[in-house]
Every structure is written in structure tokens, then in C-alpha cells.
C-alpha atoms as a PDB file:
ATOM      1  CA  MET A   1     -34.714   0.671   8.492  1.00  0.00           C
ATOM      2  CA  ARG A   2     -34.370   0.962  12.247  1.00  0.00           C
ATOM      3  CA  SER A   3     -32.657   4.038  13.638  1.00  0.00           C
ATOM      4  CA  GLU A   4     -29.735   2.031  15.092  1.00  0.00           C
ATOM      5  CA  LYS A   5     -29.076   0.458  11.725  1.00  0.00           C
ATOM      6  CA  VAL A   6     -29.165   3.902  10.034  1.00  0.00           C
ATOM      7  CA  PHE A   7     -26.666   5.160  12.656  1.00  0.00           C
ATOM      8  CA  PHE A   8     -24.288   2.190  12.004  1.00  0.00           C
ATOM      9  CA  VAL A   9     -24.549   2.617   8.190  1.00  0.00           C
ATOM     10  CA  ASN A  10     -23.753   6.343   8.525  1.00  0.00           C
ATOM     11  CA  GLU A  11     -20.716   5.544  10.787  1.00  0.00           C
ATOM     12  CA  ILE A  12     -19.343   2.956   8.330  1.00  0.00           C
ATOM     13  CA  THR A  13     -19.937   5.320   5.429  1.00  0.00           C
ATOM     14  CA  LYS A  14     -17.928   7.996   7.243  1.00  0.00           C
ATOM     15  CA  HIS A  15     -15.068   5.510   7.685  1.00  0.00           C
ATOM     16  CA  LEU A  16     -15.222   4.447   4.051  1.00  0.00           C
ATOM     17  CA  ASP A  17     -15.053   8.093   2.976  1.00  0.00           C
ATOM     18  CA  LYS A  18     -11.803   8.667   4.946  1.00  0.00           C
ATOM     19  CA  SER A  19      -9.484   7.231   2.325  1.00  0.00           C
ATOM     20  CA  ASP A  20      -9.152   6.236  -1.335  1.00  0.00           C
ATOM     21  CA  TYR A  21      -8.932   2.553  -0.428  1.00  0.00           C
ATOM     22  CA  VAL A  22     -10.838  -0.019   1.606  1.00  0.00           C
ATOM     23  CA  TYR A  23      -9.498  -3.484   2.480  1.00  0.00           C
ATOM     24  CA  LEU A  24     -11.847  -6.167   3.636  1.00  0.00           C
ATOM     25  CA  SER A  25     -10.431  -9.012   5.626  1.00  0.00           C
ATOM     26  CA  ASP A  26     -11.672 -12.158   7.325  1.00  0.00           C
ATOM     27  CA  PHE A  27     -10.415 -12.446  10.902  1.00  0.00           C
ATOM     28  CA  THR A  28     -12.046 -15.695  11.972  1.00  0.00           C
ATOM     29  CA  GLY A  29      -9.889 -17.394  14.630  1.00  0.00           C
ATOM     30  CA  VAL A  30      -7.849 -14.318  15.500  1.00  0.00           C
ATOM     31  CA  SER A  31      -7.818 -13.368  19.172  1.00  0.00           C
ATOM     32  CA  VAL A  32      -8.980 -10.041  20.553  1.00  0.00           C
ATOM     33  CA  ILE A  33      -5.404  -9.322  21.742  1.00  0.00           C
ATOM     34  CA  ALA A  34      -4.057  -9.959  18.226  1.00  0.00           C
ATOM     35  CA  ILE A  35      -6.657  -7.585  16.764  1.00  0.00           C
ATOM     36  CA  SER A  36      -5.588  -4.940  19.297  1.00  0.00           C
ATOM     37  CA  ILE A  37      -1.922  -5.419  18.170  1.00  0.00           C
ATOM     38  CA  LEU A  38      -3.066  -5.042  14.530  1.00  0.00           C
ATOM     39  CA  ARG A  39      -4.866  -1.803  15.362  1.00  0.00           C
ATOM     40  CA  ASN A  40      -1.785  -0.443  17.000  1.00  0.00           C
ATOM     41  CA  ASN A  41       0.355  -1.366  13.947  1.00  0.00           C
ATOM     42  CA  LEU A  42      -2.159   0.203  11.602  1.00  0.00           C
ATOM     43  CA  ARG A  43      -2.156   3.410  13.740  1.00  0.00           C
ATOM     44  CA  ASN A  44       1.508   3.882  12.662  1.00  0.00           C
ATOM     45  CA  GLU A  45       0.194   4.134   9.041  1.00  0.00           C
ATOM     46  CA  ASP A  46      -2.730   6.406  10.142  1.00  0.00           C
ATOM     47  CA  ALA A  47      -5.103   3.548   9.273  1.00  0.00           C
ATOM     48  CA  GLU A  48      -8.020   2.077  11.194  1.00  0.00           C
ATOM     49  CA  CYS A  49      -9.529  -1.414  11.525  1.00  0.00           C
ATOM     50  CA  HIS A  50     -13.228  -1.737  12.235  1.00  0.00           C
ATOM     51  CA  ILE A  51     -15.195  -4.889  12.835  1.00  0.00           C
ATOM     52  CA  VAL A  52     -18.603  -4.609  11.129  1.00  0.00           C
ATOM     53  CA  LYS A  53     -21.697  -6.640  10.479  1.00  0.00           C
ATOM     54  CA  ASN A  54     -21.866  -7.769   6.863  1.00  0.00           C
ATOM     55  CA  SER A  55     -25.393  -6.473   6.352  1.00  0.00           C
ATOM     56  CA  ILE A  56     -24.428  -2.957   7.535  1.00  0.00           C
ATOM     57  CA  LEU A  57     -21.243  -3.020   5.377  1.00  0.00           C
ATOM     58  CA  GLN A  58     -23.243  -4.120   2.338  1.00  0.00           C
ATOM     59  CA  ILE A  59     -25.606  -1.194   2.639  1.00  0.00           C
ATOM     60  CA  ALA A  60     -22.766   1.255   3.187  1.00  0.00           C
ATOM     61  CA  LEU A  61     -20.833  -0.089   0.152  1.00  0.00           C
ATOM     62  CA  LYS A  62     -23.890   0.255  -2.102  1.00  0.00           C
ATOM     63  CA  ASN A  63     -23.671   4.006  -1.444  1.00  0.00           C
ATOM     64  CA  LYS A  64     -19.975   4.049  -2.443  1.00  0.00           C
ATOM     65  CA  VAL A  65     -19.556   1.705  -5.466  1.00  0.00           C
ATOM     66  CA  ASP A  66     -21.739   0.305  -8.193  1.00  0.00           C
ATOM     67  CA  SER A  67     -20.859  -3.355  -7.774  1.00  0.00           C
ATOM     68  CA  PHE A  68     -18.947  -5.576  -5.353  1.00  0.00           C
ATOM     69  CA  ASP A  69     -18.232  -9.217  -4.837  1.00  0.00           C
ATOM     70  CA  GLU A  70     -20.819 -11.106  -2.716  1.00  0.00           C
ATOM     71  CA  SER A  71     -18.069 -13.307  -1.245  1.00  0.00           C
ATOM     72  CA  TRP A  72     -16.918 -10.222   0.659  1.00  0.00           C
ATOM     73  CA  PHE A  73     -19.907 -10.688   2.991  1.00  0.00           C
ATOM     74  CA  VAL A  74     -19.224 -14.240   4.112  1.00  0.00           C
ATOM     75  CA  GLY A  75     -17.755 -14.818   7.572  1.00  0.00           C
ATOM     76  CA  HIS A  76     -16.424 -12.232   9.935  1.00  0.00           C
ATOM     77  CA  THR A  77     -15.381  -8.965   8.317  1.00  0.00           C
ATOM     78  CA  ALA A  78     -12.836  -6.365   9.303  1.00  0.00           C
ATOM     79  CA  VAL A  79     -12.774  -3.096   7.326  1.00  0.00           C
ATOM     80  CA  ILE A  80      -9.394  -1.398   7.080  1.00  0.00           C
ATOM     81  CA  VAL A  81      -9.354   2.263   5.901  1.00  0.00           C
ATOM     82  CA  GLY A  82      -7.368   5.483   6.365  1.00  0.00           C
ATOM     83  CA  GLY A  83      -3.903   6.762   5.792  1.00  0.00           C
ATOM     84  CA  ASN A  84      -2.195   7.923   2.609  1.00  0.00           C
ATOM     85  CA  ASN A  85      -0.154   4.807   1.871  1.00  0.00           C
ATOM     86  CA  PRO A  86      -2.352   1.876   0.635  1.00  0.00           C
ATOM     87  CA  SER A  87       0.779  -0.190  -0.001  1.00  0.00           C
ATOM     88  CA  GLY A  88       2.132   0.364   3.549  1.00  0.00           C
ATOM     89  CA  VAL A  89      -1.196  -0.642   5.067  1.00  0.00           C
ATOM     90  CA  ALA A  90      -1.293  -3.738   2.870  1.00  0.00           C
ATOM     91  CA  LYS A  91       2.218  -4.599   4.149  1.00  0.00           C
ATOM     92  CA  VAL A  92       1.062  -4.344   7.733  1.00  0.00           C
ATOM     93  CA  LEU A  93      -1.883  -6.626   7.036  1.00  0.00           C
ATOM     94  CA  ALA A  94       0.156  -9.175   5.168  1.00  0.00           C
ATOM     95  CA  LYS A  95       2.753  -9.300   7.940  1.00  0.00           C
ATOM     96  CA  PHE A  96       0.019  -9.601  10.569  1.00  0.00           C
ATOM     97  CA  SER A  97      -1.558 -12.492   8.623  1.00  0.00           C
ATOM     98  CA  LYS A  98       1.790 -14.266   8.338  1.00  0.00           C
ATOM     99  CA  ASP A  99       2.529 -13.760  12.050  1.00  0.00           C
ATOM    100  CA  ASN A 100      -0.899 -15.179  12.968  1.00  0.00           C
ATOM    101  CA  GLU A 101      -0.643 -18.376  10.900  1.00  0.00           C
ATOM    102  CA  ASN A 102      -2.629 -16.898   8.007  1.00  0.00           C
ATOM    103  CA  ARG A 103      -5.837 -16.838  10.121  1.00  0.00           C
ATOM    104  CA  MET A 104      -6.555 -13.361   8.820  1.00  0.00           C
ATOM    105  CA  PHE A 105      -6.869 -13.227   5.049  1.00  0.00           C
ATOM    106  CA  PHE A 106      -7.919 -10.673   2.427  1.00  0.00           C
ATOM    107  CA  LYS A 107     -11.453 -10.887   1.004  1.00  0.00           C
ATOM    108  CA  GLY A 108     -10.965  -8.015  -1.382  1.00  0.00           C
ATOM    109  CA  GLY A 109     -11.123  -4.265  -1.455  1.00  0.00           C
ATOM    110  CA  LEU A 110     -11.417  -1.045  -3.313  1.00  0.00           C
ATOM    111  CA  LEU A 111      -8.771   1.375  -4.500  1.00  0.00           C
ATOM    112  CA  SER A 112     -10.247   4.562  -5.946  1.00  0.00           C
ATOM    113  CA  SER A 113     -13.518   2.755  -6.551  1.00  0.00           C
ATOM    114  CA  LYS A 114     -11.724  -0.059  -8.479  1.00  0.00           C
ATOM    115  CA  ARG A 115     -12.378  -3.471  -7.094  1.00  0.00           C
ATOM    116  CA  LEU A 116      -9.315  -5.322  -5.833  1.00  0.00           C
ATOM    117  CA  SER A 117      -8.918  -9.055  -5.597  1.00  0.00           C
ATOM    118  CA  PRO A 118      -7.025 -10.640  -2.677  1.00  0.00           C
ATOM    119  CA  ASN A 119      -4.064 -11.265  -5.041  1.00  0.00           C
ATOM    120  CA  GLU A 120      -3.985  -7.606  -6.042  1.00  0.00           C
ATOM    121  CA  ILE A 121      -3.827  -6.557  -2.405  1.00  0.00           C
ATOM    122  CA  LYS A 122      -1.014  -9.006  -1.815  1.00  0.00           C
ATOM    123  CA  ALA A 123       0.816  -7.488  -4.829  1.00  0.00           C
ATOM    124  CA  LEU A 124       0.381  -4.032  -3.245  1.00  0.00           C
ATOM    125  CA  ALA A 125       1.953  -5.432  -0.061  1.00  0.00           C
ATOM    126  CA  GLU A 126       5.016  -6.565  -1.987  1.00  0.00           C
ATOM    127  CA  LEU A 127       5.728  -3.153  -3.549  1.00  0.00           C
ATOM    128  CA  PRO A 128       8.768  -1.325  -2.235  1.00  0.00           C
ATOM    129  CA  THR A 129       8.167   1.361   0.371  1.00  0.00           C
ATOM    130  CA  LEU A 130       7.508   4.958  -0.644  1.00  0.00           C
ATOM    131  CA  GLU A 131      10.998   5.989   0.620  1.00  0.00           C
ATOM    132  CA  VAL A 132      12.684   3.318  -1.476  1.00  0.00           C
ATOM    133  CA  LEU A 133      10.728   4.346  -4.600  1.00  0.00           C
ATOM    134  CA  ARG A 134      11.700   7.967  -4.018  1.00  0.00           C
ATOM    135  CA  ALA A 135      15.377   7.051  -3.619  1.00  0.00           C
ATOM    136  CA  LYS A 136      15.283   5.064  -6.836  1.00  0.00           C
ATOM    137  CA  LEU A 137      13.604   7.891  -8.672  1.00  0.00           C
ATOM    138  CA  LEU A 138      16.196  10.354  -7.440  1.00  0.00           C
ATOM    139  CA  SER A 139      19.050   8.099  -8.440  1.00  0.00           C
ATOM    140  CA  LEU A 140      17.488   7.752 -11.933  1.00  0.00           C
ATOM    141  CA  LEU A 141      17.074  11.501 -12.245  1.00  0.00           C
ATOM    142  CA  GLY A 142      20.738  12.064 -11.318  1.00  0.00           C
ATOM    143  CA  GLU A 143      22.153   9.399 -13.644  1.00  0.00           C
ATOM    144  CA  PRO A 144      21.997  11.388 -16.926  1.00  0.00           C
ATOM    145  CA  ALA A 145      23.677  14.434 -15.304  1.00  0.00           C
ATOM    146  CA  SER A 146      26.542  12.342 -13.855  1.00  0.00           C
ATOM    147  CA  GLY A 147      26.967  10.580 -17.219  1.00  0.00           C
ATOM    148  CA  LEU A 148      27.199  13.960 -18.979  1.00  0.00           C
ATOM    149  CA  VAL A 149      29.824  15.148 -16.463  1.00  0.00           C
ATOM    150  CA  ARG A 150      31.877  11.947 -17.124  1.00  0.00           C
ATOM    151  CA  ILE A 151      31.744  12.492 -20.909  1.00  0.00           C
ATOM    152  CA  LEU A 152      32.652  16.172 -20.679  1.00  0.00           C
ATOM    153  CA  ASN A 153      35.542  15.318 -18.298  1.00  0.00           C
ATOM    154  CA  ALA A 154      36.750  12.582 -20.641  1.00  0.00           C
ATOM    155  CA  ILE A 155      37.527  14.939 -23.527  1.00  0.00           C
ATOM    156  CA  PRO A 156      40.199  17.046 -21.698  1.00  0.00           C
ATOM    157  CA  GLN A 157      41.519  13.879 -20.073  1.00  0.00           C
ATOM    158  CA  ASN A 158      42.014  12.255 -23.505  1.00  0.00           C
ATOM    159  CA  ILE A 159      43.865  15.350 -24.794  1.00  0.00           C
ATOM    160  CA  VAL A 160      46.207  15.187 -21.718  1.00  0.00           C
ATOM    161  CA  ASN A 161      46.807  11.458 -22.384  1.00  0.00           C
ATOM    162  CA  VAL A 162      47.755  12.074 -26.004  1.00  0.00           C
ATOM    163  CA  LEU A 163      50.122  14.917 -25.048  1.00  0.00           C
ATOM    164  CA  GLN A 164      51.650  12.704 -22.296  1.00  0.00           C
ATOM    165  CA  ALA A 165      52.194   9.882 -24.816  1.00  0.00           C
ATOM    166  CA  LYS A 166      53.909  12.313 -27.203  1.00  0.00           C
ATOM    167  CA  VAL A 167      56.229  13.528 -24.452  1.00  0.00           C
ATOM    168  CA  ARG A 168      57.166   9.936 -23.534  1.00  0.00           C
ATOM    169  CA  LYS A 169      57.837   9.113 -27.179  1.00  0.00           C
ATOM    170  CA  GLU A 170      60.092  12.107 -27.667  1.00  0.00           C
ATOM    171  CA  ALA A 171      61.990  11.458 -24.409  1.00  0.00           C
END
């Protein structure tokens, strides 16, 4: 292999090692300006978008996973990696695709060395945000405690109600 090719494979391998996930997307028909906007949006999620040659990507992925889908290497390929929120990055990509008349679409990806189909990545994009999930979890954790307080408060309240009814009856 030529030294330039080895250099590019090593660079892509470094990018692939940055995160637990890799999204592959076809960007045929998307303008350079739009790709720059996508990169800025991904930067908010600490993610990166790299345009790579399919042959280089194929060699780099062989070092990372045992098997992959050959359809990933058809057309123009963008590799999206980085950040700690795979769902948030998928949301950014899905919104970008929608805003650009679906010119950019998912080819597939990897999440912790598990292959992802385009539909699975779309499902990740539809998940609630991390903040919403945390808020729901906290409300669920607080629910049993507040229920217990209501039950414990109901016992003295019932005694007061019975005594009040007795007083009214005698009066």
C-alpha cells in the first residue's frame, strides 16, 4: 500500500476510535455550504463529519469490526463520529436531512461494534433527549415517596374527619 494511503487509513482509524459509534451517510447532491452548516451543528454535540474515500474507509473498518455491509461503500460517504450522545448526533443528522430535502441519508453505522441499519439510526434520532430522560427518571424515583407521604397523611386526616362527624352529630 502506498504511503499516502497508509496515512489516510491511519487518520480515519483515529477518527473511528474517538467514539463508541460511527454513522455513515450518503451526501450526494448536498452543497459544500450545507455540509459546513452540518459540521457546525455537529460541533455542538462534540461530533465530527469527515468525507472519505470508500476504499480507505473499507480498510479502516476492517481493523475495527469483523463484518460490515457492502452497500455502505456505494456513492459518496460521510463518516460522523465523536461526542458522548449518539442519539443527539442522530437527531442533528435527521434534522439536517429533512432540511435538505432528504438528499443526505443514512447508509448504516456501528454502535459499540454492533451494526446499525438506517432505520435503527432513525429510531435513535427519535429518542427523547438525555435531559428529558433524566427528568422522567427523577419523577419516577420520587413517585413512591410522594405516594407514601399521601398515605401516611391520610390516616390522621381520616381520624380527624371521623371526630368532626361525631361532633356534628352530637351538636
